[in-house]
Protein backbone atom coordinates (compact mmCIF):
# COMPACT_ATOMS: atom_id res chain seq x y z
CA MET A 1 95.74 124.54 136.06
CA PHE A 2 93.82 121.37 136.94
CA THR A 3 96.88 119.41 138.09
CA GLY A 4 98.04 122.44 140.09
CA ALA A 5 94.70 122.45 141.90
CA ILE A 6 95.13 118.75 142.64
CA ALA A 7 98.57 119.40 144.08
CA VAL A 8 97.21 122.18 146.32
CA ARG A 9 94.35 119.98 147.54
CA ILE A 10 96.75 117.12 148.30
CA ALA A 11 99.01 119.47 150.26
CA ILE A 12 96.08 120.96 152.19
CA ALA A 13 94.70 117.49 152.98
CA THR A 14 98.10 116.37 154.27
CA LEU A 15 98.41 119.46 156.46
CA LEU A 16 94.88 119.01 157.81
CA VAL A 17 95.63 115.42 158.79
CA THR A 18 98.84 116.57 160.50
CA ALA A 19 96.97 119.37 162.30
CA ALA A 20 94.35 116.93 163.56
CA ALA A 21 97.06 114.61 164.86
CA VAL A 22 98.88 117.49 166.54
CA LEU A 23 95.62 118.67 168.11
CA VAL A 24 94.91 115.25 169.60
CA ILE A 25 98.47 114.88 170.87
CA GLY A 26 98.44 118.45 172.20
CA ILE A 27 95.27 117.90 174.21
CA GLY A 28 96.69 114.64 175.57
CA VAL A 29 100.01 116.17 176.54
CA LEU A 30 99.12 119.72 177.62
CA VAL A 31 95.82 119.00 179.36
CA VAL A 32 95.61 115.38 180.49
CA SER A 33 99.32 114.83 181.11
CA GLN A 34 99.69 118.17 182.89
CA THR A 35 96.84 117.32 185.29
CA LEU A 36 98.25 113.88 186.05
CA PHE A 37 101.77 115.33 186.51
CA GLN A 38 100.42 117.94 188.91
CA HIS A 39 98.57 115.36 191.05
CA LEU A 40 101.66 113.17 191.26
CA MET A 41 103.89 116.09 192.30
CA GLU A 42 101.38 117.21 194.95
CA ALA A 43 101.27 113.66 196.32
CA HIS A 44 105.01 113.93 196.86
CA GLY A 45 104.75 117.26 198.71
CA ALA A 46 105.20 119.81 195.88
CA THR A 47 102.88 122.77 195.54
CA ALA A 48 100.55 123.13 192.55
CA ALA A 49 102.42 126.21 191.28
CA ALA A 50 105.76 124.41 191.48
CA ALA A 51 104.42 121.36 189.73
CA LYS A 52 102.96 123.48 186.93
CA GLY A 53 106.22 125.37 186.49
CA MET A 54 108.26 122.17 186.33
CA PHE A 55 105.86 120.73 183.71
CA GLU A 56 106.04 123.81 181.52
CA GLN A 57 109.84 123.98 181.68
CA THR A 58 110.35 120.34 180.75
CA VAL A 59 107.46 118.72 178.91
CA GLY A 60 105.97 121.96 177.58
CA THR A 61 109.23 123.18 176.09
CA VAL A 62 109.97 119.84 174.49
CA PHE A 63 106.43 119.59 173.12
CA VAL A 64 106.52 123.05 171.54
CA GLY A 65 109.87 122.29 169.93
CA ALA A 66 108.56 118.96 168.65
CA LEU A 67 105.42 120.69 167.36
CA VAL A 68 107.46 123.20 165.35
CA LEU A 69 109.65 120.44 163.91
CA ALA A 70 106.62 118.30 163.07
CA ALA A 71 104.93 121.22 161.33
CA ALA A 72 108.01 121.87 159.20
CA LEU A 73 108.40 118.20 158.30
CA SER A 74 104.68 117.90 157.51
CA LEU A 75 104.82 120.91 155.21
CA ALA A 76 107.84 119.50 153.37
CA LEU A 77 106.18 116.06 153.12
CA ALA A 78 102.97 117.62 151.78
CA VAL A 79 104.87 119.49 149.08
CA VAL A 80 106.87 116.41 148.03
CA LEU A 81 103.78 114.16 148.03
CA ALA A 82 101.73 116.69 146.07
CA ARG A 83 104.43 117.02 143.42
CA HIS A 84 104.94 113.25 143.25
CA LEU A 85 101.24 112.68 142.55
CA SER A 86 100.52 115.70 140.39
CA ARG A 87 103.49 115.54 137.99
CA PRO A 88 102.39 112.30 136.24
CA LEU A 89 98.87 113.70 135.97
CA GLU A 90 100.25 116.93 134.56
CA ARG A 91 102.21 114.96 131.92
CA ILE A 92 99.06 113.05 130.98
CA GLY A 93 97.18 116.35 130.75
CA ARG A 94 99.81 117.83 128.40
CA ALA A 95 99.79 114.68 126.27
CA SER A 96 95.99 114.79 126.11
CA ARG A 97 96.10 118.33 124.76
CA ARG A 98 98.63 117.21 122.13
CA ILE A 99 96.33 114.37 121.10
CA ALA A 100 93.46 116.86 120.83
CA ARG A 101 95.61 118.95 118.45
CA GLY A 102 96.16 115.89 116.26
CA GLU A 103 99.62 114.86 117.53
CA TYR A 104 98.80 111.16 117.85
CA ARG A 105 102.40 110.16 118.57
CA ALA A 106 102.18 111.67 122.07
CA ARG A 107 102.96 109.17 124.84
CA VAL A 108 103.48 109.41 128.61
CA PRO A 109 106.10 107.56 130.72
CA ARG A 110 105.05 104.99 133.31
CA GLN A 111 105.90 106.88 136.50
CA GLY A 112 104.23 107.46 139.84
CA PRO A 113 101.99 105.24 141.98
CA GLU A 114 100.56 102.01 140.57
CA GLU A 115 97.18 103.60 139.87
CA VAL A 116 98.81 106.46 137.93
CA MET A 117 100.96 103.99 135.95
CA SER A 118 97.80 102.06 135.07
CA LEU A 119 96.26 105.31 133.87
CA ALA A 120 99.39 106.00 131.79
CA ASP A 121 99.16 102.54 130.21
CA SER A 122 95.51 103.11 129.29
CA PHE A 123 96.34 106.51 127.85
CA ASN A 124 99.19 105.11 125.74
CA GLN A 125 96.96 102.32 124.43
CA MET A 126 94.32 104.88 123.50
CA ALA A 127 96.90 107.09 121.77
CA GLU A 128 98.30 104.13 119.84
CA SER A 129 94.81 103.14 118.72
CA LEU A 130 94.04 106.70 117.62
CA GLU A 131 97.34 106.88 115.73
CA GLN A 132 96.57 103.62 113.94
CA GLN A 133 93.03 104.77 113.08
CA GLU A 134 94.40 108.03 111.71
CA ARG A 135 96.91 106.13 109.58
CA LEU A 136 94.18 103.87 108.24
CA ARG A 137 91.96 106.87 107.55
CA ARG A 138 94.68 108.59 105.53
CA GLU A 139 95.49 105.42 103.63
CA PHE A 140 91.80 104.92 102.94
CA ILE A 141 91.45 108.42 101.51
CA VAL A 142 94.57 108.09 99.34
CA ASN A 143 93.70 104.63 98.05
CA ALA A 144 90.02 105.36 97.54
CA ALA A 145 90.91 108.52 95.62
CA HIS A 146 93.29 106.54 93.43
CA GLU A 147 90.78 103.76 92.80
CA LEU A 148 88.19 106.33 91.75
CA ARG A 149 90.59 108.51 89.79
CA THR A 150 92.01 105.77 87.54
CA PRO A 151 88.75 104.60 85.91
CA LEU A 152 87.33 108.12 85.85
CA THR A 153 90.44 109.40 84.08
CA ASN A 154 90.17 106.60 81.54
CA LEU A 155 86.50 107.33 81.00
CA GLN A 156 87.20 111.01 80.59
CA GLY A 157 89.94 110.32 78.06
CA TYR A 158 87.78 107.98 75.99
CA LEU A 159 84.78 110.33 76.04
CA GLU A 160 86.85 113.37 75.07
CA ALA A 161 88.43 111.40 72.24
CA LEU A 162 84.99 110.30 71.02
CA ARG A 163 83.64 113.83 71.31
CA ASP A 164 86.54 115.30 69.34
CA HIS A 165 86.39 112.50 66.74
CA VAL A 166 89.95 111.49 67.55
CA ILE A 167 88.81 107.87 67.67
CA ALA A 168 85.82 106.31 66.00
CA PRO A 169 83.22 104.51 68.07
CA ASN A 170 83.54 100.73 67.82
CA PRO A 171 82.75 97.68 69.95
CA GLU A 172 86.27 97.62 71.44
CA ILE A 173 85.92 101.22 72.68
CA PHE A 174 82.53 100.49 74.23
CA ALA A 175 83.93 97.34 75.84
CA SER A 176 86.74 99.40 77.40
CA LEU A 177 84.25 101.97 78.64
CA HIS A 178 82.08 99.21 80.09
CA GLU A 179 85.11 97.67 81.81
CA GLU A 180 85.97 100.94 83.53
CA VAL A 181 82.35 101.48 84.62
CA ASP A 182 82.24 97.91 85.88
CA ARG A 183 85.39 98.58 87.90
CA LEU A 184 83.69 101.56 89.56
CA VAL A 185 80.62 99.46 90.29
CA ARG A 186 82.74 96.71 91.90
CA LEU A 187 84.51 99.26 94.06
CA SER A 188 81.18 100.75 95.11
CA HIS A 189 79.81 97.33 96.02
CA SER A 190 82.95 96.50 98.01
CA LEU A 191 82.68 99.72 99.99
CA ASP A 192 79.00 99.01 100.60
CA SER A 193 79.90 95.56 101.92
CA LEU A 194 82.44 96.99 104.35
CA ALA A 195 80.04 99.70 105.53
CA GLU A 196 77.24 97.15 105.95
CA GLY A 197 79.49 94.90 108.01
CA ASP A 198 80.58 97.80 110.24
CA SER A 199 77.02 98.96 110.88
CA ARG A 200 75.40 95.54 111.36
CA MET A 201 74.73 95.11 115.06
CA ASN A 202 73.54 91.48 114.92
CA PRO A 203 75.11 88.85 112.61
CA LEU A 204 72.88 87.00 110.19
CA PRO A 205 71.50 83.68 111.48
CA LEU A 206 73.58 80.63 110.57
CA THR A 207 72.11 77.65 108.76
CA THR A 208 73.39 74.18 107.93
CA VAL A 209 75.03 74.15 104.49
CA ASP A 210 76.72 71.55 102.36
CA LEU A 211 80.20 73.04 102.36
CA GLY A 212 81.49 70.72 99.64
CA ALA A 213 78.69 71.74 97.29
CA ALA A 214 79.31 75.43 98.07
CA VAL A 215 83.02 75.09 97.27
CA ARG A 216 82.40 73.18 94.04
CA SER A 217 79.84 75.79 92.93
CA ALA A 218 82.26 78.65 93.62
CA VAL A 219 85.05 76.85 91.72
CA ASP A 220 82.77 76.25 88.72
CA LEU A 221 81.85 79.93 88.59
CA ALA A 222 85.51 81.00 88.78
CA ARG A 223 86.88 78.35 86.42
CA PRO A 224 86.60 80.45 83.20
CA ALA A 225 88.92 83.07 84.71
CA PHE A 226 91.49 80.36 85.47
CA ASP A 227 91.10 78.70 82.08
CA ARG A 228 91.79 81.97 80.24
CA ARG A 229 95.23 82.10 81.85
CA GLY A 230 95.98 78.40 81.68
CA ILE A 231 95.83 77.96 85.46
CA THR A 232 95.06 74.46 86.73
CA ILE A 233 92.55 74.38 89.59
CA GLU A 234 91.71 71.29 91.59
CA THR A 235 89.59 70.51 94.63
CA ARG A 236 90.23 68.18 97.55
CA LEU A 237 86.96 67.82 99.42
CA PRO A 238 85.44 65.16 101.67
CA LEU A 239 82.49 63.25 100.24
CA GLU A 240 80.12 65.03 102.59
CA VAL A 241 80.83 67.87 104.98
CA GLN A 242 78.18 69.91 106.78
CA ALA A 243 78.88 73.29 108.34
CA ARG A 244 77.09 76.20 109.97
CA SER A 245 77.26 79.36 107.90
CA HIS A 246 75.29 81.94 105.96
CA PRO A 247 75.08 80.69 102.35
CA ASP A 248 75.37 84.08 100.63
CA GLN A 249 78.26 85.21 102.82
CA LEU A 250 80.06 81.89 102.37
CA ALA A 251 79.70 82.22 98.60
CA GLN A 252 81.13 85.74 98.75
CA VAL A 253 84.11 84.60 100.85
CA LEU A 254 84.92 81.80 98.40
CA ALA A 255 84.46 84.08 95.38
CA ASN A 256 86.82 86.70 96.82
CA LEU A 257 89.52 84.14 97.66
CA LEU A 258 89.28 82.50 94.22
CA GLN A 259 89.37 85.89 92.51
CA ASN A 260 92.45 86.78 94.55
CA ALA A 261 94.07 83.46 93.55
CA SER A 262 93.32 83.97 89.85
CA ARG A 263 94.77 87.47 89.99
CA TYR A 264 98.10 86.54 91.56
CA THR A 265 98.74 83.07 90.19
CA PRO A 266 101.07 83.24 87.16
CA GLU A 267 99.95 81.83 83.82
CA GLY A 268 100.29 78.05 83.81
CA GLY A 269 100.25 77.97 87.62
CA ARG A 270 98.22 75.83 89.97
CA VAL A 271 95.46 76.50 92.52
CA THR A 272 94.19 73.96 95.04
CA VAL A 273 90.98 74.35 97.06
CA ALA A 274 90.66 71.96 100.01
CA ALA A 275 88.37 71.37 102.98
CA GLU A 276 89.22 69.44 106.14
CA LEU A 277 86.67 68.38 108.73
CA ARG A 278 88.01 68.89 112.24
CA LEU A 279 86.59 68.37 115.73
CA ALA A 280 84.77 71.68 116.12
CA ASP A 281 85.01 73.31 112.71
CA VAL A 282 85.82 72.88 109.03
CA LEU A 283 89.08 74.28 107.66
CA VAL A 284 88.88 75.60 104.08
CA SER A 285 92.08 76.60 102.27
CA VAL A 286 92.94 78.11 98.89
CA VAL A 287 96.57 77.50 97.86
CA ASN A 288 98.12 79.09 94.78
CA SER A 289 101.58 79.01 93.25
CA GLY A 290 103.43 82.23 92.53
CA ASP A 291 105.85 84.75 93.96
CA GLY A 292 104.40 84.57 97.46
CA ILE A 293 103.89 87.31 100.03
CA PRO A 294 106.83 88.82 101.96
CA GLU A 295 106.85 87.86 105.62
CA ALA A 296 106.62 91.50 106.73
CA ASP A 297 103.36 91.93 104.80
CA LEU A 298 101.59 88.79 106.06
CA PRO A 299 100.11 90.39 109.23
CA HIS A 300 98.55 93.20 107.15
CA VAL A 301 97.02 91.51 104.12
CA PHE A 302 93.52 91.52 105.65
CA GLU A 303 93.62 95.26 106.34
CA ARG A 304 91.46 97.51 104.23
CA PHE A 305 93.18 98.89 101.13
CA TYR A 306 96.45 97.24 102.11
CA ARG A 307 98.61 96.24 99.14
CA VAL A 308 101.67 94.02 99.17
CA ASP A 309 102.91 95.55 95.92
CA LYS A 310 101.08 98.79 95.25
CA SER A 311 101.95 99.18 91.60
CA ARG A 312 101.40 95.48 90.85
CA ASP A 313 98.02 95.36 92.57
CA ARG A 314 96.79 98.45 90.80
CA ALA A 315 97.91 97.12 87.46
CA ARG A 316 95.87 93.98 88.10
CA GLY A 317 92.82 95.94 89.21
CA GLY A 318 92.79 95.08 92.90
CA ALA A 319 91.43 97.63 95.33
CA GLY A 320 92.74 96.00 98.51
CA ILE A 321 89.21 95.43 99.82
CA GLY A 322 88.42 91.79 98.99
CA LEU A 323 90.45 90.21 101.78
CA ALA A 324 89.12 92.74 104.31
CA ILE A 325 85.61 91.65 103.35
CA VAL A 326 86.64 87.99 103.72
CA LYS A 327 87.91 88.60 107.25
CA GLN A 328 84.80 90.55 108.20
CA LEU A 329 82.36 87.93 106.89
CA VAL A 330 84.22 84.94 108.34
CA GLU A 331 84.57 86.45 111.81
CA SER A 332 80.92 87.56 111.85
CA ALA A 333 80.01 83.87 111.43
CA GLY A 334 82.26 82.78 114.31
CA GLY A 335 85.23 81.66 112.21
CA ARG A 336 88.86 82.67 111.81
CA VAL A 337 91.05 83.60 108.85
CA GLY A 338 94.78 83.39 108.16
CA VAL A 339 97.46 83.34 105.51
CA GLU A 340 100.80 81.57 105.05
CA SER A 341 103.33 82.01 102.29
CA GLU A 342 106.57 80.14 101.69
CA SER A 343 108.42 78.10 99.06
CA GLY A 344 106.50 79.67 96.19
CA LEU A 345 103.07 78.79 97.63
CA THR A 346 100.55 81.10 99.27
CA ARG A 347 97.79 79.57 101.41
CA PHE A 348 94.71 81.51 102.52
CA TRP A 349 92.48 79.66 104.98
CA PHE A 350 89.36 80.19 107.00
CA THR A 351 87.25 78.13 109.38
CA VAL A 352 83.52 77.50 109.49
CA PRO A 353 81.74 76.11 112.57
CA ALA A 354 80.95 72.42 112.08
């Protein structure tokens, strides 16, 4: 095993260092010290043989004993050090193999030296990111399948009924068929927008735009949808406000936010679109009355295919993509997005560089 090999190498390296130290000390004690000891003893009248015997009985015996003890302690230290360093790596190795098998919940404890703990932190962050990506992938597949299945099932039912002469062809039937096809087309365009944003390496160049005019144009285009449901929409815009943006992307952001407001504002409700010129940017907000968004859902509303109320959103035709596109387009232009919801009012906002 890889970590076992690391442990062996650590132990061998520790023993080699100890052996080198013992060798240096041994040469110093047994060669240099013995010669000096012998010269001193001869200077005091002892013979060379007597001096050598005295050295071997005293210093030599002690040195050999110390050498044996040092070797035993070094071996024990090498084993402990090797295990201390290799066990965290072995745990990371086991967790890596679990991740490779698709067990994205695998985590490793923060144990060992600082460098190993840093490695464990990086591994856990990677595993958490992979787990989140896998969750998003599964949600994407489930939601995309549902969004495709619903209109296709309706189309299949209508066409089979027409084929079997259960219902007679009339303008209402063709309008329903066209509505379902249009729903598929919108979903396809939304997915294309997300894919285009993911693959685009360089953002589109920004130009100076009249933000007030862009907001008023978007409101005029969306007004029929509000009028059909008796929703009052008003604008609060400065007389003149210039911003840096991409005109087409800005129009798409405004259209998506207004469509979202028209979908979730109750009949007879109110929508307010406002712009505020600040020091470095322009803050644009779309506020609508209604039930609001639960606090637990607020951090997730800009995620792809995320739904606050799954059954309600599907009944109203939402695919959970519009706000993800808004976030993508705004951030690609150097802005930020956010949402707040309380006291029966929901406020979506985004910034555009001034």
